[in-house]
Amino acid sequence: MPAMYKVRPVHGAGVLAEHLPTCMYPLPNLHRAPGAAAPPQEEVDPSLQALESRQEEILKRLYELKSAVDGLSKMIQTPDADFDVTNIIQTDEFSPLTTNGADLDLMLGKDYGALKDVVINANPSLPPLSLLVIHSLLCERYKILSAVHTHSSVKNVPENLLKCFGEQTKKKPRHKYQLGFTLIWKDVPKPQMKFSIQTMCPIEGEGNIARFLFSLFGQKYSAVTSTLIDSWVDTALFQLKEGSSKERGAVLRSMNTALGKSSWLVGAELTVADVVAWCALRQTGAANTAPANVQKWMKSCENLAPFSSVMKLLK
């Protein structure tokens, strides 16, 4: 069958060398002989040149801002991380525990015709001594109706714990008291407290209850002092009372250092930190091996009637 289209052959001599390129992209020769004229430079794209100028301007402004901030930082005195905050707690205004008190209606809520009762559940196998000390301190400030009861979950309670509030023989009508304080010996894992039985969740833990009860004295502390007090309370409960012998030794050394600077753990007045720490030391039996400053501080605590009354429960 004859071909429909005729095409000339392209494989003749010299066709490939004449029409096909020898490379994909032609580039100027960079390996010129010495002394030869340099190839003409291509013009820079104006948009690229504008971008470089803008970048240089931004870097210059950043450098100026950094210099300004460095200058301001030298004018401001920032606190040193190693600064001992115990040196500034002397500026707090402490009020003696036997003078002004807190507004109980403001703290506990006002309920006309009813006495506010603080009810605490505690396990007699682990008596919260700090709460008993604070109870005695509160009795020096307020008229308190105290009572001790035993829950059915507890079989035997030592006689001294049943009489931990002393003999309540001269009882007055309830409306003659400012506060009710009821302690119930009950099989609970940790102390629990309520002052509004119907509505509130219990406050749990000896340290938390001690903080709340001590706030009824109405003392005001700065943020630094409050933080130091909370730190000592937690340290006394979790390391001094429940920690290992190594932890206990470290806490005693820290206490000895702090008590070398002031009569009490935080500042010049008794705080809840002293109460909780003293009770923890007495319950762990570490008081006899305590350093000199700690021994002196413990005697200062025991010279106060609320501490000496609790000492009888440890015998």
Foldseek 3Di string as FASTA:
>chain_A
DDDPDDDDDQPDPPNCVVPPDPDDDDDDDPPDDPPDDDDDDDDDDVVVVVVVVVVVVVVVVVVVVVVVVVVVVVVDDDDDPPDDCLVPQQPFDWDALLDAWDDCCVLQNDDPPDAFEKEKEAALVDDLLLVLLLVVSVVSHWFEAEAEEEDPQDDDHDPCVNQSVHDPDDDDPPVVGRHYYYYYHHPDPFMWIDRDVPDDDTDTHSLRVLQSSQCRSVTDGDPSLVVQLSVLLCLLVCQCQPHDPVSVVVVLVVQQVCLVVELANRYPHDDSSRSSNLVSCLVVVVQVVGDDSSVSSNVVVCVDPSNVSSVVVSD
